[in-house]
Amino acid sequence: MSSTIEIKKTFDRRSERVKSIDLHPTESWVLIGMHSGNVCIWNHRTQVTEKTFEIANSRVRSAKFIVRKEWVVIGADDGFIRVYNYNTMEKITEFKAHSDFIRSLVVHPSQSYLLSASDDKDIKLWDWENGWECTKTFKGHEHYVMQLAFNPRDANVFASASLDRTIKLWDLGSFDPRSSINAHSEGLNFVEFYETGEKLYILTGSDDHTAKVWDYESMTCVKTLEGHTHNVTSFQCVTFDASFIITGSEDQTVRVWNTKTYNLDHTFNSELGRVWTIRFIEGSSKVVIGCDEGILIGQVSSAGY
């Protein structure tokens, strides 16, 4: 029998709507991007807000650590990307990156590259070692580009998810997508890669209230995860005693799915409204959940085999 995973709330931090969470790999820091336009670094161990960046009168939907530079990079609804040193709080740069809302930022794992996605339907590649020059613009989506993710096995490849209902796979060296799949009956909100054993998969979440698991090699749908009653906004694939997928939704729930059976193991109800983003703290048993009214910290536990 497979393990059953449960999430129990251990802490909540009330604030404005949280649209973005990123975790520092060595410090106990949570980078929180909020609808108010504020961004803060919150310590999940001490439960203290250590730094606050007052960005602009513009909503923040994506904020990321660039640890090797000691930076945070922030994308806002005014189309600007802003970069700060997270130790000194110095603003490194800001520049107009897109003509509409910035939905997603992803940092290349080894190169000096940042990808940005926007409601202007474009994806842009920025090189910070070259004066933050935009070295490439990827066009092809027909609606807002909601999320980006690098392939963990080949960082020259990334995936994009759009409200045009497609997943597209791209090479950094080419302007045209290498493949495009009509993935859902409604727009996509999220895309991520996950590995299990020798297999590589892609996960997508949609306004059709489902999440889907895709075989990366064949780009065929392996499983549709059904159960949410509103838009699926976020997810995280985690190995903790067992391997499981956590999905979050505007139905104010977080659901846990077993990756072997794809059965629904557990439903966690958010006390802080709709769920927008989820991150699992590596090396712990905690999950951080961003909601309408702040963040929740959940303890993940398993029972039975």
Protein backbone atom coordinates (compact mmCIF):
# COMPACT_ATOMS: atom_id res chain seq x y z
CA MET A 1 0.00 0.00 0.00
CA SER A 2 1.32 3.44 -0.85
CA SER A 3 1.85 6.11 1.73
CA THR A 4 -0.86 8.66 2.49
CA ILE A 5 0.33 12.25 2.68
CA GLU A 6 -1.40 14.83 4.85
CA ILE A 7 -0.85 18.56 5.36
CA LYS A 8 -1.60 20.20 8.70
CA LYS A 9 -1.35 23.95 9.26
CA THR A 10 1.37 25.03 11.67
CA PHE A 11 1.50 28.80 11.05
CA ASP A 12 -0.07 31.61 9.07
CA ARG A 13 1.22 35.06 8.16
CA ARG A 14 -1.53 37.43 7.11
CA SER A 15 -0.80 40.04 4.45
CA GLU A 16 -1.98 41.25 1.09
CA ARG A 17 -2.55 38.65 -1.66
CA VAL A 18 0.58 36.57 -2.24
CA LYS A 19 1.20 35.79 -5.91
CA SER A 20 4.81 34.62 -5.79
CA ILE A 21 7.00 32.59 -3.45
CA ASP A 22 10.66 31.66 -3.90
CA LEU A 23 12.96 29.89 -1.44
CA HIS A 24 16.63 30.63 -0.81
CA PRO A 25 18.62 27.40 -1.16
CA THR A 26 20.83 27.88 1.92
CA GLU A 27 19.15 30.52 4.11
CA SER A 28 15.74 29.99 5.73
CA TRP A 29 14.32 32.80 3.61
CA VAL A 30 11.03 33.00 1.76
CA LEU A 31 10.83 35.68 -0.95
CA ILE A 32 7.22 36.85 -1.04
CA GLY A 33 5.77 38.90 -3.91
CA MET A 34 2.45 40.59 -3.20
CA HIS A 35 -0.41 42.19 -5.10
CA SER A 36 0.25 45.43 -3.22
CA GLY A 37 3.57 45.83 -5.05
CA ASN A 38 5.60 45.04 -1.94
CA VAL A 39 8.17 42.26 -1.79
CA CYS A 40 9.65 40.93 1.43
CA ILE A 41 12.13 38.35 2.66
CA TRP A 42 10.54 36.39 5.51
CA ASN A 43 12.40 33.90 7.68
CA HIS A 44 10.31 30.73 7.99
CA ARG A 45 12.30 29.53 11.03
CA THR A 46 12.17 32.70 13.14
CA GLN A 47 8.90 33.88 11.55
CA VAL A 48 10.37 37.38 11.23
CA THR A 49 10.25 39.66 8.18
CA GLU A 50 13.91 40.48 7.61
CA LYS A 51 13.74 42.81 4.60
CA THR A 52 11.04 44.68 2.69
CA PHE A 53 11.33 46.12 -0.82
CA GLU A 54 8.71 48.75 -1.68
CA ILE A 55 8.69 48.31 -5.42
CA ALA A 56 6.02 50.48 -6.99
CA ASN A 57 2.31 51.08 -7.10
CA SER A 58 2.14 48.01 -9.30
CA ARG A 59 1.30 44.41 -8.50
CA VAL A 60 4.09 41.88 -8.29
CA ARG A 61 3.38 38.45 -9.79
CA SER A 62 6.90 37.03 -9.85
CA ALA A 63 10.02 37.49 -7.71
CA LYS A 64 13.12 35.27 -7.67
CA PHE A 65 16.42 34.92 -5.91
CA ILE A 66 19.60 35.03 -8.03
CA VAL A 67 21.78 33.59 -5.29
CA ARG A 68 25.11 33.61 -7.07
CA LYS A 69 24.80 37.40 -7.43
CA GLU A 70 23.08 37.98 -4.06
CA TRP A 71 20.15 39.56 -5.91
CA VAL A 72 16.41 39.46 -5.99
CA VAL A 73 14.75 40.08 -9.35
CA ILE A 74 11.16 41.28 -9.47
CA GLY A 75 8.60 41.51 -12.28
CA ALA A 76 5.58 43.81 -11.94
CA ASP A 77 2.39 44.80 -13.71
CA ASP A 78 3.99 48.03 -14.95
CA GLY A 79 6.19 45.89 -17.24
CA PHE A 80 9.40 46.70 -15.34
CA ILE A 81 12.01 44.28 -14.08
CA ARG A 82 13.77 45.51 -10.94
CA VAL A 83 16.91 44.04 -9.41
CA TYR A 84 18.10 44.54 -5.82
CA ASN A 85 21.03 43.31 -3.77
CA TYR A 86 19.31 41.41 -0.98
CA ASN A 87 22.10 42.09 1.55
CA THR A 88 22.56 45.84 1.06
CA MET A 89 19.03 46.59 -0.30
CA GLU A 90 20.72 48.58 -3.09
CA LYS A 91 18.78 48.80 -6.35
CA ILE A 92 21.06 47.34 -9.02
CA THR A 93 18.92 48.27 -12.01
CA GLU A 94 15.40 48.65 -13.33
CA PHE A 95 14.24 48.60 -16.92
CA LYS A 96 11.08 48.40 -18.99
CA ALA A 97 10.93 44.78 -20.11
CA HIS A 98 7.40 44.31 -21.46
CA SER A 99 4.46 46.39 -22.61
CA ASP A 100 2.03 44.54 -20.28
CA PHE A 101 1.95 42.59 -16.99
CA ILE A 102 4.94 40.37 -16.23
CA ARG A 103 3.60 36.97 -15.18
CA SER A 104 6.68 34.81 -14.76
CA LEU A 105 10.44 35.05 -14.24
CA VAL A 106 12.83 32.07 -14.27
CA VAL A 107 16.57 32.09 -13.63
CA HIS A 108 18.87 29.89 -15.70
CA PRO A 109 20.63 27.40 -13.39
CA SER A 110 24.15 28.11 -14.67
CA GLN A 111 24.22 30.90 -17.29
CA SER A 112 23.68 34.64 -16.69
CA TYR A 113 20.18 34.44 -18.15
CA LEU A 114 16.73 35.44 -17.00
CA LEU A 115 13.56 34.56 -18.90
CA SER A 116 10.45 36.72 -18.55
CA ALA A 117 6.87 36.08 -19.72
CA SER A 118 4.12 38.64 -20.13
CA ASP A 119 0.56 39.44 -21.05
CA ASP A 120 2.04 41.03 -24.19
CA LYS A 121 2.36 37.36 -25.37
CA ASP A 122 6.17 37.55 -25.57
CA ILE A 123 8.91 35.63 -23.79
CA LYS A 124 12.23 37.46 -23.48
CA LEU A 125 15.76 36.32 -22.68
CA TRP A 126 17.90 38.75 -20.66
CA ASP A 127 21.67 38.50 -20.08
CA TRP A 128 22.77 40.28 -16.90
CA GLU A 129 26.46 39.90 -17.67
CA ASN A 130 25.83 41.83 -20.88
CA GLY A 131 24.17 44.85 -19.30
CA TRP A 132 20.78 43.15 -19.06
CA GLU A 133 20.52 43.14 -22.84
CA CYS A 134 17.49 41.40 -24.32
CA THR A 135 19.24 38.84 -26.48
CA LYS A 136 16.15 37.09 -27.82
CA THR A 137 12.36 37.45 -27.99
CA PHE A 138 10.31 34.28 -28.39
CA LYS A 139 7.00 34.80 -30.18
CA GLY A 140 4.25 32.31 -30.93
CA HIS A 141 1.70 32.37 -28.13
CA GLU A 142 -1.66 33.92 -28.95
CA HIS A 143 -2.67 34.91 -25.41
CA TYR A 144 -1.03 35.81 -22.09
CA VAL A 145 2.06 33.75 -21.24
CA MET A 146 1.49 32.69 -17.66
CA GLN A 147 4.44 30.53 -16.64
CA LEU A 148 7.91 29.35 -17.69
CA ALA A 149 10.10 26.45 -16.55
CA PHE A 150 13.57 25.20 -17.48
CA ASN A 151 14.13 21.53 -18.28
CA PRO A 152 16.15 20.15 -15.32
CA ARG A 153 18.03 17.75 -17.62
CA ASP A 154 18.79 20.23 -20.39
CA ALA A 155 18.78 23.90 -19.39
CA ASN A 156 18.90 24.95 -23.05
CA VAL A 157 15.24 23.88 -23.21
CA PHE A 158 12.32 25.55 -21.49
CA ALA A 159 8.53 25.19 -21.44
CA SER A 160 5.88 27.88 -21.51
CA ALA A 161 2.19 27.79 -20.55
CA SER A 162 -0.36 30.23 -21.92
CA LEU A 163 -4.02 31.16 -21.76
CA ASP A 164 -4.09 30.16 -25.46
CA ARG A 165 -4.41 26.60 -24.01
CA THR A 166 -1.00 25.43 -25.22
CA ILE A 167 2.28 24.22 -23.79
CA LYS A 168 5.24 25.13 -25.96
CA LEU A 169 8.79 23.80 -25.74
CA TRP A 170 11.63 26.08 -26.85
CA ASP A 171 15.38 25.94 -27.39
CA LEU A 172 17.36 28.97 -26.21
CA GLY A 173 19.20 28.90 -29.54
CA SER A 174 16.07 29.11 -31.73
CA PHE A 175 13.32 31.68 -32.17
CA ASP A 176 10.64 29.09 -33.02
CA PRO A 177 9.10 26.55 -30.65
CA ARG A 178 10.33 22.99 -31.07
CA SER A 179 6.83 21.69 -30.23
CA SER A 180 3.39 22.95 -29.25
CA ILE A 181 0.57 20.96 -27.65
CA ASN A 182 -3.06 21.93 -27.20
CA ALA A 183 -3.03 20.82 -23.58
CA HIS A 184 -6.36 21.81 -21.99
CA SER A 185 -9.86 22.93 -22.89
CA GLU A 186 -9.24 26.26 -21.12
CA GLY A 187 -6.20 28.45 -20.52
CA LEU A 188 -3.09 27.21 -18.73
CA ASN A 189 -1.83 28.86 -15.56
CA PHE A 190 1.19 26.80 -14.69
CA VAL A 191 3.83 24.47 -16.10
CA GLU A 192 6.65 22.60 -14.38
CA PHE A 193 8.98 19.66 -15.00
CA TYR A 194 9.39 16.79 -12.60
CA GLU A 195 11.57 13.69 -12.58
CA THR A 196 10.87 10.26 -11.19
CA GLY A 197 13.43 7.54 -11.74
CA GLU A 198 14.57 7.70 -15.34
CA LYS A 199 11.41 9.42 -16.56
CA LEU A 200 10.86 13.12 -17.11
CA TYR A 201 7.37 14.57 -16.97
CA ILE A 202 5.67 17.93 -17.43
CA LEU A 203 2.84 19.10 -15.18
CA THR A 204 0.23 21.64 -16.25
CA GLY A 205 -2.60 23.37 -14.41
CA SER A 206 -5.58 25.00 -16.08
CA ASP A 207 -8.74 27.08 -15.86
CA ASP A 208 -10.59 23.87 -16.85
CA HIS A 209 -10.13 22.89 -13.15
CA THR A 210 -7.72 20.03 -13.92
CA ALA A 211 -4.02 19.33 -13.73
CA LYS A 212 -2.34 17.04 -16.27
CA VAL A 213 0.78 14.89 -16.26
CA TRP A 214 2.62 14.66 -19.60
CA ASP A 215 5.33 12.22 -20.70
CA TYR A 216 8.13 14.52 -21.86
CA GLU A 217 9.51 12.27 -24.60
CA SER A 218 6.20 11.57 -26.33
CA MET A 219 4.33 14.67 -25.07
CA THR A 220 1.29 12.48 -24.45
CA CYS A 221 -0.99 12.95 -21.45
CA VAL A 222 -0.35 10.23 -18.87
CA LYS A 223 -3.02 11.29 -16.39
CA THR A 224 -5.59 13.99 -15.78
CA LEU A 225 -5.97 14.93 -12.12
CA GLU A 226 -9.61 15.80 -11.50
CA GLY A 227 -11.17 17.05 -8.29
CA HIS A 228 -10.64 20.79 -8.05
CA THR A 229 -13.76 22.90 -8.54
CA HIS A 230 -12.03 26.07 -9.78
CA ASN A 231 -8.90 27.13 -11.69
CA VAL A 232 -5.73 25.18 -10.89
CA THR A 233 -3.08 27.82 -10.23
CA SER A 234 0.01 26.07 -8.89
CA PHE A 235 1.67 22.81 -7.96
CA GLN A 236 4.80 21.23 -6.62
CA CYS A 237 6.15 17.71 -7.06
CA VAL A 238 7.92 16.50 -3.94
CA THR A 239 9.64 13.39 -2.64
CA PHE A 240 9.10 13.03 1.09
CA ASP A 241 8.85 9.41 2.29
CA ALA A 242 6.88 8.95 -0.94
CA SER A 243 6.60 10.89 -4.18
CA PHE A 244 3.57 13.11 -4.52
CA ILE A 245 2.14 16.11 -6.35
CA ILE A 246 0.61 19.07 -4.51
CA THR A 247 -1.87 21.22 -6.45
CA GLY A 248 -3.39 24.55 -5.44
CA SER A 249 -6.54 26.17 -6.75
CA GLU A 250 -8.85 29.14 -6.62
CA ASP A 251 -11.32 26.71 -4.97
CA GLN A 252 -9.35 27.48 -1.76
CA THR A 253 -7.95 23.96 -1.46
CA VAL A 254 -4.59 22.25 -1.74
CA ARG A 255 -4.75 18.64 -2.92
CA VAL A 256 -2.15 15.91 -2.61
CA TRP A 257 -1.85 13.21 -5.30
CA ASN A 258 0.19 10.01 -5.21
CA THR A 259 2.53 9.90 -8.22
CA LYS A 260 2.38 6.10 -8.50
CA THR A 261 -1.39 5.74 -8.55
CA TYR A 262 -2.36 9.38 -9.22
CA ASN A 263 -5.03 8.91 -6.57
CA LEU A 264 -6.11 11.87 -4.45
CA ASP A 265 -4.57 11.28 -1.00
CA HIS A 266 -5.57 14.38 0.89
CA THR A 267 -7.38 17.72 0.65
CA PHE A 268 -6.21 20.69 2.72
CA ASN A 269 -8.57 23.66 3.05
CA SER A 270 -7.05 27.14 2.97
CA GLU A 271 -8.19 29.49 5.71
CA LEU A 272 -6.77 32.46 3.78
CA GLY A 273 -8.77 32.28 0.56
CA ARG A 274 -7.69 31.26 -2.93
CA VAL A 275 -4.36 29.52 -3.40
CA TRP A 276 -1.91 31.10 -5.88
CA THR A 277 1.49 29.53 -5.29
CA ILE A 278 3.07 26.57 -3.46
CA ARG A 279 6.67 25.77 -2.53
CA PHE A 280 8.06 22.81 -0.59
CA ILE A 281 11.01 23.61 1.70
CA GLU A 282 13.74 21.14 0.73
CA GLY A 283 15.29 19.23 3.62
CA SER A 284 12.21 19.78 5.74
CA SER A 285 8.66 18.53 5.90
CA LYS A 286 7.09 21.95 5.37
CA VAL A 287 5.16 23.48 2.51
CA VAL A 288 4.62 27.23 2.02
CA ILE A 289 1.29 28.21 0.45
CA GLY A 290 0.57 31.70 -0.93
CA CYS A 291 -3.07 32.80 -0.68
CA ASP A 292 -5.40 35.78 -0.99
CA GLU A 293 -4.82 36.84 2.62
CA GLY A 294 -1.20 35.80 3.23
CA ILE A 295 0.84 32.62 3.53
CA LEU A 296 0.21 29.33 5.29
CA ILE A 297 2.90 26.97 6.52
CA GLY A 298 1.85 23.32 6.45
CA GLN A 299 3.49 20.29 8.02
CA VAL A 300 3.62 17.37 5.62
CA SER A 301 3.31 13.91 7.18
CA SER A 302 2.90 10.40 5.83
CA ALA A 303 1.04 7.44 7.28
CA GLY A 304 0.98 3.82 6.24
CA TYR A 305 2.61 1.79 3.50
